[in-house]
Amino acid sequence: MDLSKKRALVARTLGIGKGRVMFNTGRINEIKEAITKQDVRDLVANKSIFIREIKGRKVNVARKRRRGGSIRMRPNTRKRDYIILTRKLRAYISEIRKHGSINNEEFAKIRKGIRSKIFKNKAHLKEHIQIMQKESK
């Protein structure tokens, strides 16, 4: 008993999906004889054809929007600052070494200090070098 054509007719007539159409198994003969849309409406009124409830769907809750802004921040400024300071200090200590103010051991020690961010700026480095020279004398 293929009632797929009747199911499609009912769905078209009532404006519902085919999956919602159910037939009363005791009145299948009446359903087979239905040809017109009016016949389908009558069968629905006689309870020969049932319509399932809509299963429904969980309501989608709208996500909260993040507040936008027009502030444009330059990314990774910490790294940029480190590079600028390191290059400045390394250039300074290499000049001092050329003039002979510090020896290679002190140079290596200071360079490690620059790498580990011990010195905040060039003035701080100069103070440190003066203290080292006083201690070595």
C-alpha atoms as a PDB file:
ATOM      1  CA  MET A   1       0.000   0.000   0.000  1.00  0.00           C
ATOM      2  CA  ASP A   2       1.888   2.974  -1.292  1.00  0.00           C
ATOM      3  CA  LEU A   3       0.162   6.093  -0.065  1.00  0.00           C
ATOM      4  CA  SER A   4       2.988   8.480  -0.859  1.00  0.00           C
ATOM      5  CA  LYS A   5       0.961  10.292  -3.549  1.00  0.00           C
ATOM      6  CA  LYS A   6      -1.956  10.759  -1.106  1.00  0.00           C
ATOM      7  CA  ARG A   7       0.500  11.949   1.551  1.00  0.00           C
ATOM      8  CA  ALA A   8       1.890  14.529  -0.911  1.00  0.00           C
ATOM      9  CA  LEU A   9      -1.650  15.649  -1.805  1.00  0.00           C
ATOM     10  CA  VAL A  10      -2.527  16.144   1.872  1.00  0.00           C
ATOM     11  CA  ALA A  11       0.701  18.053   2.500  1.00  0.00           C
ATOM     12  CA  ARG A  12       0.074  20.320  -0.500  1.00  0.00           C
ATOM     13  CA  THR A  13      -3.529  20.916   0.473  1.00  0.00           C
ATOM     14  CA  LEU A  14      -2.879  21.811   4.095  1.00  0.00           C
ATOM     15  CA  GLY A  15       0.477  23.521   3.548  1.00  0.00           C
ATOM     16  CA  ILE A  16       2.423  21.217   5.864  1.00  0.00           C
ATOM     17  CA  GLY A  17       5.352  18.826   5.499  1.00  0.00           C
ATOM     18  CA  LYS A  18       4.873  15.234   4.346  1.00  0.00           C
ATOM     19  CA  GLY A  19       6.394  13.945   7.564  1.00  0.00           C
ATOM     20  CA  ARG A  20       3.549  15.408   9.625  1.00  0.00           C
ATOM     21  CA  VAL A  21       0.801  13.507   7.760  1.00  0.00           C
ATOM     22  CA  MET A  22      -0.542  10.353   9.489  1.00  0.00           C
ATOM     23  CA  PHE A  23      -3.266   8.072   8.208  1.00  0.00           C
ATOM     24  CA  ASN A  24      -5.846   6.219  10.289  1.00  0.00           C
ATOM     25  CA  THR A  25      -5.167   2.546   9.422  1.00  0.00           C
ATOM     26  CA  GLY A  26      -8.843   1.619   9.902  1.00  0.00           C
ATOM     27  CA  ARG A  27      -9.982   4.018   7.154  1.00  0.00           C
ATOM     28  CA  ILE A  28      -7.362   3.422   4.480  1.00  0.00           C
ATOM     29  CA  ASN A  29     -10.018   2.593   1.876  1.00  0.00           C
ATOM     30  CA  GLU A  30     -11.598   6.063   2.263  1.00  0.00           C
ATOM     31  CA  ILE A  31      -8.153   7.652   1.972  1.00  0.00           C
ATOM     32  CA  LYS A  32      -7.387   5.746  -1.251  1.00  0.00           C
ATOM     33  CA  GLU A  33     -10.612   7.050  -2.856  1.00  0.00           C
ATOM     34  CA  ALA A  34      -9.786  10.713  -2.074  1.00  0.00           C
ATOM     35  CA  ILE A  35      -8.876  12.544  -5.277  1.00  0.00           C
ATOM     36  CA  THR A  36      -9.549  16.245  -4.772  1.00  0.00           C
ATOM     37  CA  LYS A  37      -8.371  18.721  -2.201  1.00  0.00           C
ATOM     38  CA  GLN A  38     -11.895  18.971  -0.855  1.00  0.00           C
ATOM     39  CA  ASP A  39     -11.935  15.198  -0.263  1.00  0.00           C
ATOM     40  CA  VAL A  40      -8.721  15.584   1.759  1.00  0.00           C
ATOM     41  CA  ARG A  41     -10.245  18.396   3.851  1.00  0.00           C
ATOM     42  CA  ASP A  42     -13.268  16.231   4.591  1.00  0.00           C
ATOM     43  CA  LEU A  43     -11.066  13.313   5.672  1.00  0.00           C
ATOM     44  CA  VAL A  44      -9.160  15.586   8.018  1.00  0.00           C
ATOM     45  CA  ALA A  45     -12.461  16.762   9.513  1.00  0.00           C
ATOM     46  CA  ASN A  46     -13.589  13.097   9.942  1.00  0.00           C
ATOM     47  CA  LYS A  47     -10.312  12.236  11.732  1.00  0.00           C
ATOM     48  CA  SER A  48      -9.257   9.776   9.011  1.00  0.00           C
ATOM     49  CA  ILE A  49      -6.096  11.822   8.498  1.00  0.00           C
ATOM     50  CA  PHE A  50      -4.164  13.157  11.468  1.00  0.00           C
ATOM     51  CA  ILE A  51      -1.589  15.909  11.518  1.00  0.00           C
ATOM     52  CA  ARG A  52       1.344  15.546  13.904  1.00  0.00           C
ATOM     53  CA  GLU A  53       2.398  18.425  16.088  1.00  0.00           C
ATOM     54  CA  ILE A  54       5.450  20.385  15.038  1.00  0.00           C
ATOM     55  CA  LYS A  55       8.495  18.917  16.756  1.00  0.00           C
ATOM     56  CA  GLY A  56      10.012  22.340  17.157  1.00  0.00           C
ATOM     57  CA  ARG A  57      13.538  23.477  17.559  1.00  0.00           C
ATOM     58  CA  LYS A  58      15.469  24.932  20.435  1.00  0.00           C
ATOM     59  CA  VAL A  59      15.425  28.697  20.227  1.00  0.00           C
ATOM     60  CA  ASN A  60      18.791  30.103  19.195  1.00  0.00           C
ATOM     61  CA  VAL A  61      19.885  32.650  21.737  1.00  0.00           C
ATOM     62  CA  ALA A  62      21.674  35.523  20.070  1.00  0.00           C
ATOM     63  CA  ARG A  63      25.274  35.868  21.196  1.00  0.00           C
ATOM     64  CA  LYS A  64      26.245  39.082  22.901  1.00  0.00           C
ATOM     65  CA  ARG A  65      28.048  41.382  20.568  1.00  0.00           C
ATOM     66  CA  ARG A  66      31.419  42.676  21.580  1.00  0.00           C
ATOM     67  CA  ARG A  67      31.752  46.394  21.784  1.00  0.00           C
ATOM     68  CA  GLY A  68      33.721  47.736  18.915  1.00  0.00           C
ATOM     69  CA  GLY A  69      36.120  50.594  19.045  1.00  0.00           C
ATOM     70  CA  SER A  70      38.259  52.675  16.787  1.00  0.00           C
ATOM     71  CA  ILE A  71      41.469  52.366  18.798  1.00  0.00           C
ATOM     72  CA  ARG A  72      44.165  50.936  16.582  1.00  0.00           C
ATOM     73  CA  MET A  73      46.937  49.460  18.648  1.00  0.00           C
ATOM     74  CA  ARG A  74      50.252  48.529  17.189  1.00  0.00           C
ATOM     75  CA  PRO A  75      50.836  44.873  17.997  1.00  0.00           C
ATOM     76  CA  ASN A  76      53.904  43.567  19.727  1.00  0.00           C
ATOM     77  CA  THR A  77      55.290  46.906  20.912  1.00  0.00           C
ATOM     78  CA  ARG A  78      57.135  45.185  23.751  1.00  0.00           C
ATOM     79  CA  LYS A  79      59.276  43.274  21.278  1.00  0.00           C
ATOM     80  CA  ARG A  80      59.886  46.395  19.203  1.00  0.00           C
ATOM     81  CA  ASP A  81      61.017  48.317  22.316  1.00  0.00           C
ATOM     82  CA  TYR A  82      63.345  45.454  23.288  1.00  0.00           C
ATOM     83  CA  ILE A  83      64.930  45.407  19.821  1.00  0.00           C
ATOM     84  CA  ILE A  84      65.508  49.157  19.762  1.00  0.00           C
ATOM     85  CA  LEU A  85      67.046  49.245  23.247  1.00  0.00           C
ATOM     86  CA  THR A  86      69.195  46.162  22.668  1.00  0.00           C
ATOM     87  CA  ARG A  87      70.653  47.455  19.413  1.00  0.00           C
ATOM     88  CA  LYS A  88      71.418  50.831  20.978  1.00  0.00           C
ATOM     89  CA  LEU A  89      73.185  49.335  23.990  1.00  0.00           C
ATOM     90  CA  ARG A  90      75.116  46.744  21.965  1.00  0.00           C
ATOM     91  CA  ALA A  91      76.361  49.439  19.598  1.00  0.00           C
ATOM     92  CA  TYR A  92      77.468  51.519  22.583  1.00  0.00           C
ATOM     93  CA  ILE A  93      79.436  48.726  24.290  1.00  0.00           C
ATOM     94  CA  SER A  94      81.078  47.665  21.043  1.00  0.00           C
ATOM     95  CA  GLU A  95      82.305  51.275  20.592  1.00  0.00           C
ATOM     96  CA  ILE A  96      83.665  51.281  24.147  1.00  0.00           C
ATOM     97  CA  ARG A  97      85.479  48.008  23.521  1.00  0.00           C
ATOM     98  CA  LYS A  98      87.089  49.445  20.351  1.00  0.00           C
ATOM     99  CA  HIS A  99      88.436  52.362  22.393  1.00  0.00           C
ATOM    100  CA  GLY A 100      89.762  49.950  24.984  1.00  0.00           C
ATOM    101  CA  SER A 101      87.701  51.095  27.964  1.00  0.00           C
ATOM    102  CA  ILE A 102      86.514  47.549  28.704  1.00  0.00           C
ATOM    103  CA  ASN A 103      88.092  44.169  28.044  1.00  0.00           C
ATOM    104  CA  ASN A 104      86.481  41.140  26.367  1.00  0.00           C
ATOM    105  CA  GLU A 105      85.376  39.488  29.641  1.00  0.00           C
ATOM    106  CA  GLU A 106      83.554  42.615  30.772  1.00  0.00           C
ATOM    107  CA  PHE A 107      82.123  42.997  27.290  1.00  0.00           C
ATOM    108  CA  ALA A 108      80.659  39.471  27.382  1.00  0.00           C
ATOM    109  CA  LYS A 109      79.260  40.031  30.862  1.00  0.00           C
ATOM    110  CA  ILE A 110      77.594  43.312  29.859  1.00  0.00           C
ATOM    111  CA  ARG A 111      76.233  41.782  26.674  1.00  0.00           C
ATOM    112  CA  LYS A 112      74.539  39.011  28.690  1.00  0.00           C
ATOM    113  CA  GLY A 113      73.075  41.697  30.935  1.00  0.00           C
ATOM    114  CA  ILE A 114      71.662  43.530  27.920  1.00  0.00           C
ATOM    115  CA  ARG A 115      70.110  40.302  26.658  1.00  0.00           C
ATOM    116  CA  SER A 116      68.424  39.647  30.001  1.00  0.00           C
ATOM    117  CA  LYS A 117      67.111  43.245  30.189  1.00  0.00           C
ATOM    118  CA  ILE A 118      69.079  44.252  33.273  1.00  0.00           C
ATOM    119  CA  PHE A 119      69.657  47.767  31.894  1.00  0.00           C
ATOM    120  CA  LYS A 120      66.676  50.086  31.524  1.00  0.00           C
ATOM    121  CA  ASN A 121      68.425  52.589  29.275  1.00  0.00           C
ATOM    122  CA  LYS A 122      71.810  53.839  28.105  1.00  0.00           C
ATOM    123  CA  ALA A 123      72.362  56.000  31.187  1.00  0.00           C
ATOM    124  CA  HIS A 124      71.805  53.001  33.422  1.00  0.00           C
ATOM    125  CA  LEU A 125      74.348  51.038  31.396  1.00  0.00           C
ATOM    126  CA  LYS A 126      76.905  53.866  31.716  1.00  0.00           C
ATOM    127  CA  GLU A 127      76.483  53.898  35.506  1.00  0.00           C
ATOM    128  CA  HIS A 128      77.000  50.150  35.631  1.00  0.00           C
ATOM    129  CA  ILE A 129      80.181  50.393  33.545  1.00  0.00           C
ATOM    130  CA  GLN A 130      81.582  53.131  35.820  1.00  0.00           C
ATOM    131  CA  ILE A 131      80.900  51.013  38.901  1.00  0.00           C
ATOM    132  CA  MET A 132      82.604  48.005  37.247  1.00  0.00           C
ATOM    133  CA  GLN A 133      85.677  50.114  36.397  1.00  0.00           C
ATOM    134  CA  LYS A 134      85.919  51.455  39.954  1.00  0.00           C
ATOM    135  CA  GLU A 135      85.738  47.941  41.388  1.00  0.00           C
ATOM    136  CA  SER A 136      88.419  46.633  39.010  1.00  0.00           C
ATOM    137  CA  LYS A 137      90.903  49.360  40.080  1.00  0.00           C
END
